[in-house]
Amino acid sequence: MSTVRDLAKFENALYTKSILPAPVDQEFNKQPAFSDGSDAPYGYGWYFRTIKGHTVMWHSVGIRRTASQA
């Protein structure tokens, strides 16, 4: 079981780039592509969209009668 404090530590590790090797971090944070090279809207559990020239990524989970978004 995790606590809010555990999740905060994990998030901090992700944002400070101290938990994943650089090539893995780059792969997880880039826009996924279809085999023809066109952008895919979803990959590795994240949604991607370009808004006003900026790539935005988000993760969303829904369970019946509940919802969460990070």
C-alpha atoms as a PDB file:
ATOM      1  CA  MET A   1       0.000   0.000   0.000  1.00  0.00           C
ATOM      2  CA  SER A   2       1.254   3.484  -0.862  1.00  0.00           C
ATOM      3  CA  THR A   3       0.697   6.711   0.958  1.00  0.00           C
ATOM      4  CA  VAL A   4       0.393  10.221  -0.417  1.00  0.00           C
ATOM      5  CA  ARG A   5       3.940  10.803   0.816  1.00  0.00           C
ATOM      6  CA  ASP A   6       5.159   7.757  -1.206  1.00  0.00           C
ATOM      7  CA  LEU A   7       3.449   9.080  -4.330  1.00  0.00           C
ATOM      8  CA  ALA A   8       4.951  12.536  -3.794  1.00  0.00           C
ATOM      9  CA  LYS A   9       8.440  10.993  -3.557  1.00  0.00           C
ATOM     10  CA  PHE A  10       7.825   8.991  -6.735  1.00  0.00           C
ATOM     11  CA  GLU A  11       6.537  12.032  -8.637  1.00  0.00           C
ATOM     12  CA  ASN A  12       9.521  14.087  -7.482  1.00  0.00           C
ATOM     13  CA  ALA A  13      11.874  11.350  -8.693  1.00  0.00           C
ATOM     14  CA  LEU A  14      10.186  11.380 -12.110  1.00  0.00           C
ATOM     15  CA  TYR A  15      10.358  15.163 -12.451  1.00  0.00           C
ATOM     16  CA  THR A  16      13.971  15.409 -11.316  1.00  0.00           C
ATOM     17  CA  LYS A  17      14.942  12.650 -13.779  1.00  0.00           C
ATOM     18  CA  SER A  18      16.552  10.565 -11.038  1.00  0.00           C
ATOM     19  CA  ILE A  19      14.506   7.370 -11.358  1.00  0.00           C
ATOM     20  CA  LEU A  20      14.788   6.412 -15.049  1.00  0.00           C
ATOM     21  CA  PRO A  21      17.816   6.391 -17.349  1.00  0.00           C
ATOM     22  CA  ALA A  22      17.657   9.301 -19.819  1.00  0.00           C
ATOM     23  CA  PRO A  23      16.879   7.149 -22.919  1.00  0.00           C
ATOM     24  CA  VAL A  24      13.927   5.492 -21.137  1.00  0.00           C
ATOM     25  CA  ASP A  25      12.615   8.833 -19.865  1.00  0.00           C
ATOM     26  CA  GLN A  26      12.828  10.293 -23.380  1.00  0.00           C
ATOM     27  CA  GLU A  27      10.990   7.317 -24.882  1.00  0.00           C
ATOM     28  CA  PHE A  28       8.145   7.537 -22.358  1.00  0.00           C
ATOM     29  CA  ASN A  29       7.749  11.275 -22.864  1.00  0.00           C
ATOM     30  CA  LYS A  30       7.719  11.468 -26.642  1.00  0.00           C
ATOM     31  CA  GLN A  31       4.660  11.489 -28.872  1.00  0.00           C
ATOM     32  CA  PRO A  32       3.921   7.895 -29.955  1.00  0.00           C
ATOM     33  CA  ALA A  33       3.620   7.188 -33.671  1.00  0.00           C
ATOM     34  CA  PHE A  34       1.780   4.759 -35.906  1.00  0.00           C
ATOM     35  CA  SER A  35       3.800   2.529 -38.244  1.00  0.00           C
ATOM     36  CA  ASP A  36       3.255   5.065 -41.073  1.00  0.00           C
ATOM     37  CA  GLY A  37       4.957   7.751 -38.940  1.00  0.00           C
ATOM     38  CA  SER A  38       1.836   9.768 -38.153  1.00  0.00           C
ATOM     39  CA  ASP A  39       1.216  10.845 -34.559  1.00  0.00           C
ATOM     40  CA  ALA A  40      -0.758   8.464 -32.354  1.00  0.00           C
ATOM     41  CA  PRO A  41      -2.908  10.068 -29.640  1.00  0.00           C
ATOM     42  CA  TYR A  42      -2.145   7.427 -26.986  1.00  0.00           C
ATOM     43  CA  GLY A  43       0.880   5.450 -25.824  1.00  0.00           C
ATOM     44  CA  TYR A  44       2.393   3.982 -22.639  1.00  0.00           C
ATOM     45  CA  GLY A  45      -0.798   4.872 -20.749  1.00  0.00           C
ATOM     46  CA  TRP A  46      -0.630   8.554 -21.692  1.00  0.00           C
ATOM     47  CA  TYR A  47      -2.757  10.662 -24.029  1.00  0.00           C
ATOM     48  CA  PHE A  48      -1.027  13.258 -26.229  1.00  0.00           C
ATOM     49  CA  ARG A  49      -2.417  16.329 -27.956  1.00  0.00           C
ATOM     50  CA  THR A  50      -0.854  19.423 -29.487  1.00  0.00           C
ATOM     51  CA  ILE A  51      -2.499  22.635 -28.281  1.00  0.00           C
ATOM     52  CA  LYS A  52      -1.292  25.990 -29.612  1.00  0.00           C
ATOM     53  CA  GLY A  53       2.016  24.439 -30.666  1.00  0.00           C
ATOM     54  CA  HIS A  54       2.699  22.711 -27.345  1.00  0.00           C
ATOM     55  CA  THR A  55       2.480  18.969 -26.765  1.00  0.00           C
ATOM     56  CA  VAL A  56       0.289  18.186 -23.776  1.00  0.00           C
ATOM     57  CA  MET A  57       0.255  14.741 -22.202  1.00  0.00           C
ATOM     58  CA  TRP A  58      -2.065  13.362 -19.547  1.00  0.00           C
ATOM     59  CA  HIS A  59      -3.168  10.128 -17.944  1.00  0.00           C
ATOM     60  CA  SER A  60      -6.773   9.377 -17.116  1.00  0.00           C
ATOM     61  CA  VAL A  61      -8.363   6.409 -15.370  1.00  0.00           C
ATOM     62  CA  GLY A  62     -12.002   5.698 -14.848  1.00  0.00           C
ATOM     63  CA  ILE A  63     -13.574   2.975 -12.783  1.00  0.00           C
ATOM     64  CA  ARG A  64     -17.304   2.513 -12.619  1.00  0.00           C
ATOM     65  CA  ARG A  65     -18.801   5.208 -10.392  1.00  0.00           C
ATOM     66  CA  THR A  66     -15.377   6.761  -9.808  1.00  0.00           C
ATOM     67  CA  ALA A  67     -12.875   8.743 -11.860  1.00  0.00           C
ATOM     68  CA  SER A  68      -9.389  10.043 -11.378  1.00  0.00           C
ATOM     69  CA  GLN A  69      -7.092  12.107 -13.510  1.00  0.00           C
ATOM     70  CA  ALA A  70      -3.414  12.965 -13.103  1.00  0.00           C
END
